[in-house]
N, C-alpha and C. Protein backbone atom coordinates (compact mmCIF):
# COMPACT_ATOMS: atom_id res chain seq x y z
N MET A 1 1.23 -1.42 -0.38
CA MET A 1 0.21 0.23 0.10
C MET A 1 0.91 1.32 -0.17
N ARG A 2 0.51 2.64 -0.82
CA ARG A 2 1.47 3.56 -1.14
C ARG A 2 0.82 4.51 -0.52
N GLY A 3 1.66 5.43 0.62
CA GLY A 3 1.67 6.69 0.73
C GLY A 3 1.05 7.80 -0.07
N PRO A 4 0.86 9.03 0.75
CA PRO A 4 -0.19 9.93 -0.48
C PRO A 4 1.30 10.56 -1.15
N VAL A 5 2.31 10.44 0.08
CA VAL A 5 3.58 11.44 -0.65
C VAL A 5 3.80 10.52 -2.45
N THR A 6 4.07 9.62 -1.77
CA THR A 6 4.11 7.94 -2.70
C THR A 6 3.61 8.68 -3.98
N ASN A 7 2.47 8.91 -4.20
CA ASN A 7 0.80 8.44 -4.73
C ASN A 7 1.42 10.25 -6.11
N VAL A 8 1.75 10.92 -4.93
CA VAL A 8 2.09 12.21 -5.59
C VAL A 8 3.05 12.07 -6.48
N VAL A 9 4.08 11.58 -6.24
CA VAL A 9 4.88 11.73 -6.64
C VAL A 9 4.74 10.67 -8.29
N ILE A 10 4.26 9.43 -8.16
CA ILE A 10 3.51 8.78 -9.09
C ILE A 10 3.48 9.24 -10.73
N LYS A 11 2.59 9.87 -10.17
CA LYS A 11 0.95 10.85 -10.95
C LYS A 11 1.62 12.05 -11.42
N ALA A 12 2.63 12.55 -10.81
CA ALA A 12 3.58 13.97 -11.04
C ALA A 12 4.65 13.38 -11.81
N THR A 13 5.19 12.20 -12.40
CA THR A 13 6.04 11.68 -12.97
C THR A 13 6.33 10.99 -13.74
N GLN A 14 4.54 10.73 -14.09
CA GLN A 14 4.52 9.59 -15.17
C GLN A 14 3.95 9.83 -16.40
N GLY A 15 3.36 11.10 -16.34
CA GLY A 15 3.93 12.19 -18.20
C GLY A 15 5.38 11.89 -18.03
N ILE A 16 6.12 11.61 -17.97
CA ILE A 16 7.76 11.93 -17.95
C ILE A 16 7.46 11.08 -18.88
N ARG A 17 7.32 9.86 -17.86
CA ARG A 17 8.08 8.16 -18.13
C ARG A 17 6.78 7.43 -19.71
N ASN A 18 5.92 8.36 -20.05
CA ASN A 18 4.94 7.77 -20.95
C ASN A 18 5.69 8.54 -22.09
N ASN A 19 5.82 9.85 -21.79
CA ASN A 19 7.08 10.28 -22.72
C ASN A 19 8.18 9.62 -23.80
N MET A 20 8.98 9.14 -22.56
CA MET A 20 10.09 9.05 -22.69
C MET A 20 9.65 7.36 -23.57
N GLU A 21 8.39 6.37 -22.69
CA GLU A 21 8.88 5.18 -23.71
C GLU A 21 7.94 5.46 -24.56
N PHE A 22 7.54 6.76 -25.26
CA PHE A 22 6.89 7.13 -26.41
C PHE A 22 8.05 6.99 -28.07
N ARG A 23 9.01 8.55 -27.34
CA ARG A 23 10.18 8.09 -27.42
C ARG A 23 11.23 7.27 -28.21
N ILE A 24 11.59 5.77 -27.34
CA ILE A 24 11.80 4.76 -27.94
C ILE A 24 11.21 4.30 -29.05
N ALA A 25 9.83 3.99 -28.40
CA ALA A 25 9.41 3.30 -28.91
C ALA A 25 8.76 3.89 -30.95
N LYS A 26 9.22 5.24 -30.77
CA LYS A 26 9.25 5.78 -31.86
C LYS A 26 10.26 5.26 -32.56
N TYR A 27 11.31 5.58 -31.93
CA TYR A 27 12.70 5.65 -32.51
C TYR A 27 13.16 3.56 -32.84
N THR A 28 12.46 3.26 -32.34
CA THR A 28 12.80 0.93 -32.76
C THR A 28 11.92 1.17 -33.72
N TRP A 29 10.36 1.85 -33.64
CA TRP A 29 9.60 1.68 -34.81
C TRP A 29 10.28 2.31 -36.25
N ASP A 30 10.45 3.58 -36.25
CA ASP A 30 11.11 3.94 -37.76
C ASP A 30 12.30 2.80 -37.91
N GLY A 31 13.57 2.96 -36.29
CA GLY A 31 15.00 2.06 -37.20
C GLY A 31 14.35 0.66 -37.76
N LEU A 32 13.33 0.06 -36.97
CA LEU A 32 12.72 -1.13 -37.65
C LEU A 32 12.36 -0.63 -38.95
N GLN A 33 11.86 0.13 -39.39
CA GLN A 33 11.07 0.24 -40.94
C GLN A 33 12.83 0.61 -42.10
N ALA A 34 13.49 1.63 -41.40
CA ALA A 34 14.39 1.84 -41.88
C ALA A 34 15.51 0.68 -42.36
N GLY A 35 14.81 -0.98 -42.21
CA GLY A 35 15.44 -2.10 -42.02
C GLY A 35 17.26 -2.03 -41.04
N LYS A 36 16.83 -1.37 -39.76
CA LYS A 36 17.44 -2.22 -38.88
C LYS A 36 17.13 -3.55 -38.08
N SER A 37 18.32 -4.22 -37.78
CA SER A 37 17.64 -4.88 -36.62
C SER A 37 17.72 -4.61 -35.28
N LEU A 38 16.91 -5.29 -35.17
CA LEU A 38 16.57 -5.36 -33.35
C LEU A 38 17.77 -4.94 -32.41
N GLU A 39 18.52 -6.19 -32.55
CA GLU A 39 19.09 -6.31 -31.84
C GLU A 39 20.81 -4.46 -32.02
N ASP A 40 20.34 -3.99 -33.32
CA ASP A 40 21.26 -2.62 -33.98
C ASP A 40 20.72 -2.44 -32.97
N ILE A 41 19.48 -1.35 -32.84
CA ILE A 41 18.71 -0.64 -32.05
C ILE A 41 19.14 -0.75 -31.21
N CYS A 42 19.01 -1.65 -30.49
CA CYS A 42 19.48 -1.65 -28.87
C CYS A 42 20.20 -1.78 -28.56
N CYS A 43 21.69 -1.38 -29.13
CA CYS A 43 22.95 -0.80 -28.82
C CYS A 43 23.27 0.50 -29.01
N GLU A 44 22.06 0.85 -30.10
CA GLU A 44 21.28 2.46 -29.73
C GLU A 44 21.67 3.02 -29.00
N LEU A 45 20.33 2.71 -28.46
CA LEU A 45 19.95 3.13 -27.48
C LEU A 45 20.57 2.75 -26.42
N ASP A 46 21.46 1.62 -25.69
CA ASP A 46 22.12 1.80 -25.28
C ASP A 46 23.03 2.99 -24.87
N ILE A 47 24.24 2.49 -25.89
CA ILE A 47 24.70 3.78 -26.01
C ILE A 47 24.17 4.74 -25.18
N LYS A 48 23.67 5.18 -26.61
CA LYS A 48 22.50 6.56 -26.60
C LYS A 48 22.65 7.19 -24.54
N ARG A 49 21.95 6.44 -23.94
CA ARG A 49 21.32 6.08 -22.47
C ARG A 49 22.80 6.58 -21.53
N LYS A 50 23.89 6.02 -21.59
CA LYS A 50 25.19 5.19 -20.85
C LYS A 50 25.88 6.90 -21.56
N GLU A 51 26.03 8.02 -22.42
CA GLU A 51 26.60 8.82 -22.95
C GLU A 51 25.60 9.73 -21.94
N LYS A 52 24.89 9.58 -21.81
CA LYS A 52 23.49 10.30 -21.15
C LYS A 52 23.85 10.65 -19.52
N VAL A 53 23.63 9.09 -19.91
CA VAL A 53 24.31 9.46 -17.72
C VAL A 53 25.96 9.89 -17.59
N GLU A 54 26.69 9.83 -18.39
CA GLU A 54 27.80 10.62 -18.69
C GLU A 54 28.30 11.82 -17.85
N GLU A 55 27.68 12.69 -19.13
CA GLU A 55 26.90 13.53 -19.24
C GLU A 55 26.07 14.31 -18.20
N ARG A 56 25.17 14.12 -17.52
CA ARG A 56 24.45 14.12 -16.44
C ARG A 56 24.88 14.40 -15.25
N THR A 57 25.73 12.96 -14.72
CA THR A 57 26.59 12.75 -14.01
C THR A 57 28.14 14.00 -13.60
N GLY A 58 28.46 13.79 -15.00
CA GLY A 58 29.75 15.07 -14.82
C GLY A 58 28.80 15.84 -14.26
N MET A 59 28.13 16.68 -14.74
CA MET A 59 27.18 17.92 -14.69
C MET A 59 27.09 18.18 -13.40
N LEU A 60 26.21 17.11 -12.80
CA LEU A 60 26.19 16.96 -10.59
C LEU A 60 26.85 16.95 -10.50
N PHE A 61 28.41 16.30 -10.47
CA PHE A 61 30.10 16.77 -9.47
C PHE A 61 30.33 17.71 -10.00
N GLY A 62 30.26 18.10 -11.19
CA GLY A 62 30.48 19.65 -11.54
C GLY A 62 29.82 20.59 -10.93
N GLY A 63 28.90 20.60 -10.34
CA GLY A 63 27.58 21.68 -9.86
C GLY A 63 28.52 21.30 -8.80
N MET A 64 28.94 20.47 -7.98
CA MET A 64 29.08 20.03 -6.36
C MET A 64 30.22 20.65 -6.33
N PHE A 65 31.22 20.36 -7.56
CA PHE A 65 32.49 20.54 -6.69
C PHE A 65 33.08 21.96 -7.69
N GLY A 66 32.28 22.55 -7.94
CA GLY A 66 32.71 24.09 -9.12
C GLY A 66 33.64 23.64 -9.60
N LYS A 67 33.67 23.12 -10.14
CA LYS A 67 34.73 22.07 -11.70
C LYS A 67 34.27 21.58 -12.60
N GLU A 68 34.41 21.90 -14.17
CA GLU A 68 34.53 21.19 -14.73
C GLU A 68 34.82 19.81 -15.11
N ILE A 69 33.44 18.66 -14.91
CA ILE A 69 34.60 17.73 -14.77
C ILE A 69 33.39 16.07 -15.92
N THR A 70 34.74 15.43 -16.35
CA THR A 70 34.08 15.00 -17.00
C THR A 70 34.30 13.13 -17.07
N ILE A 71 33.11 12.51 -17.38
CA ILE A 71 33.49 10.80 -16.52
C ILE A 71 33.00 10.34 -17.79
N LYS A 72 33.48 8.91 -18.32
CA LYS A 72 33.41 7.67 -18.80
C LYS A 72 33.69 7.14 -17.99
N PHE A 73 32.30 5.86 -18.48
CA PHE A 73 32.52 4.44 -18.22
C PHE A 73 33.35 3.69 -19.12
N THR A 74 34.10 3.39 -18.43
CA THR A 74 35.47 2.20 -19.14
C THR A 74 34.80 0.24 -19.11
N LYS A 75 33.80 0.49 -18.63
CA LYS A 75 33.27 -1.09 -17.79
C LYS A 75 32.41 -1.49 -16.67
N ILE A 76 30.87 -2.04 -17.91
CA ILE A 76 29.80 -2.18 -17.42
C ILE A 76 30.09 -2.95 -16.76
N ALA A 77 29.38 -3.92 -16.09
CA ALA A 77 29.05 -5.62 -16.42
C ALA A 77 28.31 -5.33 -14.85
N GLY A 78 27.90 -6.70 -14.78
CA GLY A 78 26.48 -7.53 -13.84
C GLY A 78 27.74 -7.37 -11.89
N GLY A 79 27.00 -7.19 -10.99
CA GLY A 79 27.49 -7.12 -10.08
C GLY A 79 26.92 -8.30 -8.91
N ALA A 80 26.93 -7.97 -7.77
CA ALA A 80 26.54 -8.56 -6.79
C ALA A 80 25.03 -9.13 -6.57
N ARG A 81 24.62 -10.61 -7.04
CA ARG A 81 23.13 -10.73 -7.42
C ARG A 81 22.62 -10.93 -6.17
N ARG A 82 21.70 -9.77 -5.71
CA ARG A 82 21.52 -9.97 -4.03
C ARG A 82 19.53 -10.55 -4.20
N VAL A 83 19.40 -10.60 -3.39
CA VAL A 83 17.78 -11.56 -3.11
C VAL A 83 16.95 -11.10 -2.78
N ILE A 84 16.34 -9.64 -2.78
CA ILE A 84 15.31 -9.15 -2.28
C ILE A 84 14.17 -8.45 -2.96
N PRO A 85 13.00 -8.73 -2.74
CA PRO A 85 11.68 -8.74 -2.64
C PRO A 85 11.91 -7.63 -4.00
N SER A 86 12.15 -6.50 -4.29
CA SER A 86 12.30 -5.58 -4.86
C SER A 86 12.76 -5.87 -5.64
N GLN A 87 13.83 -6.11 -5.76
CA GLN A 87 14.44 -7.47 -7.30
C GLN A 87 13.56 -8.88 -7.93
N LYS A 88 13.03 -9.23 -7.03
CA LYS A 88 12.62 -10.31 -7.70
C LYS A 88 11.23 -9.47 -8.92
N ARG A 89 10.74 -8.01 -7.96
CA ARG A 89 9.69 -7.94 -8.70
C ARG A 89 9.82 -7.11 -9.93
N SER A 90 11.32 -6.11 -9.48
CA SER A 90 11.54 -5.58 -11.42
C SER A 90 13.09 -6.05 -11.85
N GLY A 91 13.58 -7.47 -11.26
CA GLY A 91 14.36 -7.84 -12.34
C GLY A 91 15.17 -6.80 -11.84
N ASP A 92 15.56 -5.99 -11.05
CA ASP A 92 17.03 -5.07 -11.33
C ASP A 92 17.97 -6.17 -10.65
N LEU A 93 19.39 -5.28 -11.37
CA LEU A 93 20.98 -6.12 -11.75
C LEU A 93 21.80 -5.08 -10.28
N THR A 94 22.56 -5.08 -9.82
CA THR A 94 23.33 -4.38 -9.10
C THR A 94 24.32 -4.23 -10.00
N LEU A 95 25.56 -3.20 -10.17
CA LEU A 95 25.85 -2.87 -11.38
C LEU A 95 26.90 -2.61 -10.98
N ILE A 96 28.08 -2.98 -11.05
CA ILE A 96 29.22 -2.25 -10.68
C ILE A 96 29.70 -2.10 -11.84
N SER A 97 30.85 -0.73 -12.01
CA SER A 97 31.17 0.49 -13.22
C SER A 97 32.55 1.04 -12.60
N ILE A 98 33.12 1.24 -14.49
CA ILE A 98 34.56 1.77 -13.66
C ILE A 98 34.89 2.77 -14.66
N VAL A 99 34.77 4.05 -13.45
CA VAL A 99 35.03 5.42 -14.34
C VAL A 99 35.91 5.73 -14.40
N ARG A 100 36.39 6.62 -15.28
CA ARG A 100 37.57 7.09 -15.76
C ARG A 100 37.63 8.83 -15.42
């Protein structure tokens, strides 16, 4: 059972999530129509996501330390396989990353 704050946060962010899902679906559909394989499309989406996380994380740390910081993930791999209820529901994996 969710509390009132959780319900408000879910409602406030649902539009953003729907928009993201629409953009991914449209990108995938356009790629398939252009003759790309689903594997290639997924790889492109993963690369874009990684680049965005690198950029935004650099901005966050740069703001915290008052410097320009560039982050580059050099390796991303599965980490510990913890068995907790939330992971059973969502299939989350703990990731380890090597940052340069």
